Amino acid sequence: MSEEPPGETNEDDPDAVGDEVDRVEELEKEIQYAKAETANARQRAAKERAELLKYGGASLANRIIPMVDVLAKAVEASEGSDSVTEGVRLTLEGIKAALDAEGIVQIEAMGNSFDPTCMEAIATIPCPEDCQPGSVIEVIEQGYRMHDRILRAARVVVAEGDP
């Protein structure tokens, strides 16, 4: 038998041809695996981009929501209807509208059944006659959600026991 240069095979040697076929099949499998990995990476990146676009404003919202609380309390605490109170009320409405436009909404808790996924029970009191046990009878701090994520749970007082 003669020496063959690297990369060339003797076509008469069945072992060499078989090894070459095996190597080609192995390389084809590696290419398929690499293509699948690339497709998965693209899908993950697209999902992450979509999440970032959807929830990108959550940090800003978490800083603004306490200001909404303060403005709401200022409106509630004002007795008369003067221009300052009206200005605070309009500012509050503007901020709420901006939050709503970004998909940030207030969690409706008052009068509803207690939901531990979006509410935090601060206290429980005996159930008044006009309420159902397990219902929210007072909202201490409003909760907010952005799309399907809870930004801040509503802090509530819940009725317990028999009416």
Protein backbone atom coordinates (compact mmCIF):
# COMPACT_ATOMS: atom_id res chain seq x y z
CA MET A 1 0.00 0.00 0.00
CA SER A 2 1.17 3.48 -0.77
CA GLU A 3 1.16 6.49 1.52
CA GLU A 4 -1.67 8.91 0.76
CA PRO A 5 -1.47 12.66 1.20
CA PRO A 6 -3.60 14.06 4.05
CA GLY A 7 -7.22 14.64 3.06
CA GLU A 8 -7.20 12.03 0.32
CA THR A 9 -8.44 8.50 0.73
CA ASN A 10 -7.95 5.34 -1.18
CA GLU A 11 -11.28 4.57 -2.81
CA ASP A 12 -10.42 0.90 -2.77
CA ASP A 13 -10.18 0.85 1.06
CA PRO A 14 -13.72 0.25 2.42
CA ASP A 15 -12.71 1.17 5.97
CA ALA A 16 -11.45 4.58 4.88
CA VAL A 17 -14.64 5.28 2.93
CA GLY A 18 -16.79 4.15 5.86
CA ASP A 19 -14.85 6.38 8.26
CA GLU A 20 -15.30 9.31 5.91
CA VAL A 21 -19.07 8.69 5.65
CA ASP A 22 -19.31 8.51 9.45
CA ARG A 23 -17.40 11.77 9.77
CA VAL A 24 -19.69 13.48 7.24
CA GLU A 25 -22.78 12.27 9.14
CA GLU A 26 -21.27 13.51 12.40
CA LEU A 27 -20.56 16.94 10.89
CA GLU A 28 -24.10 17.14 9.47
CA LYS A 29 -25.51 16.43 12.96
CA GLU A 30 -23.30 19.15 14.42
CA ILE A 31 -24.56 21.61 11.79
CA GLN A 32 -28.19 20.73 12.61
CA TYR A 33 -27.48 21.20 16.31
CA ALA A 34 -25.83 24.57 15.67
CA LYS A 35 -28.80 25.69 13.55
CA ALA A 36 -31.22 24.67 16.32
CA GLU A 37 -29.14 26.52 18.93
CA THR A 38 -29.12 29.64 16.74
CA ALA A 39 -32.90 29.48 16.29
CA ASN A 40 -33.39 29.07 20.06
CA ALA A 41 -31.08 32.02 20.77
CA ARG A 42 -33.07 34.19 18.33
CA GLN A 43 -36.35 33.19 19.99
CA ARG A 44 -34.99 33.95 23.48
CA ALA A 45 -33.69 37.33 22.33
CA ALA A 46 -37.02 38.20 20.72
CA LYS A 47 -38.89 37.22 23.89
CA GLU A 48 -36.51 39.26 26.06
CA ARG A 49 -36.92 42.28 23.75
CA ALA A 50 -40.70 41.98 23.94
CA GLU A 51 -40.57 41.73 27.77
CA LEU A 52 -38.29 44.77 27.95
CA LEU A 53 -40.63 46.81 25.78
CA LYS A 54 -43.69 45.67 27.73
CA TYR A 55 -42.29 46.22 31.23
CA GLY A 56 -39.61 48.85 30.58
CA GLY A 57 -41.53 51.57 32.43
CA ALA A 58 -41.99 49.58 35.64
CA SER A 59 -39.06 51.25 37.40
CA LEU A 60 -40.37 54.74 36.66
CA ALA A 61 -43.88 53.70 37.66
CA ASN A 62 -42.62 52.43 41.02
CA ARG A 63 -41.14 55.89 41.67
CA ILE A 64 -44.28 57.76 40.54
CA ILE A 65 -46.93 55.70 42.35
CA PRO A 66 -46.08 57.09 45.83
CA MET A 67 -46.57 60.61 44.43
CA VAL A 68 -50.02 59.60 43.23
CA ASP A 69 -50.83 58.52 46.79
CA VAL A 70 -49.67 61.85 48.22
CA LEU A 71 -51.67 63.85 45.70
CA ALA A 72 -54.79 61.75 46.34
CA LYS A 73 -54.45 62.34 50.08
CA ALA A 74 -54.01 66.08 49.46
CA VAL A 75 -57.24 66.18 47.47
CA GLU A 76 -59.10 64.17 50.14
CA ALA A 77 -57.79 66.33 52.97
CA SER A 78 -58.77 69.66 51.40
CA GLU A 79 -62.07 70.99 52.75
CA GLY A 80 -62.86 73.79 50.30
CA SER A 81 -62.68 73.90 46.55
CA ASP A 82 -59.99 76.49 45.94
CA SER A 83 -57.60 76.85 43.00
CA VAL A 84 -54.74 74.99 44.74
CA THR A 85 -56.96 71.99 45.44
CA GLU A 86 -58.21 72.07 41.87
CA GLY A 87 -54.62 72.19 40.59
CA VAL A 88 -53.64 69.21 42.71
CA ARG A 89 -56.71 67.30 41.52
CA LEU A 90 -55.90 68.03 37.86
CA THR A 91 -52.26 67.00 38.40
CA LEU A 92 -53.40 63.75 39.99
CA GLU A 93 -55.76 63.03 37.08
CA GLY A 94 -52.96 63.76 34.59
CA ILE A 95 -50.52 61.40 36.29
CA LYS A 96 -53.16 58.66 36.50
CA ALA A 97 -53.95 59.10 32.80
CA ALA A 98 -50.24 58.86 31.92
CA LEU A 99 -49.87 55.68 33.98
CA ASP A 100 -52.98 54.22 32.39
CA ALA A 101 -51.59 54.95 28.92
CA GLU A 102 -48.55 52.84 29.83
CA GLY A 103 -50.71 49.91 30.95
CA ILE A 104 -50.40 50.68 34.67
CA VAL A 105 -53.75 50.38 36.40
CA GLN A 106 -54.99 50.55 39.95
CA ILE A 107 -56.02 47.26 41.53
CA GLU A 108 -59.70 47.39 42.44
CA ALA A 109 -59.82 46.03 45.97
CA MET A 110 -62.59 47.82 47.89
CA GLY A 111 -65.62 45.55 48.35
CA ASN A 112 -64.05 42.66 46.45
CA SER A 113 -62.98 39.33 47.91
CA PHE A 114 -59.44 39.25 49.30
CA ASP A 115 -56.99 38.05 46.64
CA PRO A 116 -53.53 37.23 48.04
CA THR A 117 -51.96 37.40 44.58
CA CYS A 118 -52.50 41.17 44.38
CA MET A 119 -53.40 42.22 47.93
CA GLU A 120 -51.68 42.27 51.30
CA ALA A 121 -53.89 41.96 54.37
CA ILE A 122 -52.72 44.47 56.96
CA ALA A 123 -55.45 43.63 59.46
CA THR A 124 -58.68 41.71 59.88
CA ILE A 125 -61.72 42.89 61.78
CA PRO A 126 -65.01 41.18 62.68
CA CYS A 127 -67.34 41.13 59.71
CA PRO A 128 -69.87 44.00 59.71
CA GLU A 129 -73.48 43.06 58.92
CA ASP A 130 -73.41 44.57 55.43
CA CYS A 131 -70.26 42.68 54.30
CA GLN A 132 -69.26 39.16 53.34
CA PRO A 133 -66.50 37.39 55.28
CA GLY A 134 -63.23 37.59 53.35
CA SER A 135 -64.14 40.83 51.61
CA VAL A 136 -62.01 43.97 51.63
CA ILE A 137 -63.63 46.62 53.81
CA GLU A 138 -60.87 49.25 53.75
CA VAL A 139 -57.96 50.03 51.43
CA ILE A 140 -54.96 51.39 53.32
CA GLU A 141 -52.72 51.78 50.27
CA GLN A 142 -53.77 51.36 46.64
CA GLY A 143 -52.13 48.60 44.63
CA TYR A 144 -51.03 48.82 41.00
CA ARG A 145 -50.40 46.35 38.21
CA MET A 146 -48.60 46.76 34.90
CA HIS A 147 -50.17 44.47 32.33
CA ASP A 148 -50.05 41.15 34.20
CA ARG A 149 -47.37 42.03 36.78
CA ILE A 150 -48.04 43.40 40.24
CA LEU A 151 -46.01 46.57 40.81
CA ARG A 152 -47.33 47.09 44.32
CA ALA A 153 -49.86 44.97 46.18
CA ALA A 154 -52.91 46.73 47.62
CA ARG A 155 -52.65 46.94 51.43
CA VAL A 156 -56.11 46.20 52.80
CA VAL A 157 -58.23 45.44 55.85
CA VAL A 158 -60.29 42.24 55.49
CA ALA A 159 -63.55 41.21 57.17
CA GLU A 160 -63.39 37.90 59.00
CA GLY A 161 -65.87 35.58 60.69
CA ASP A 162 -69.66 35.45 60.40
CA PRO A 163 -71.71 38.52 59.38
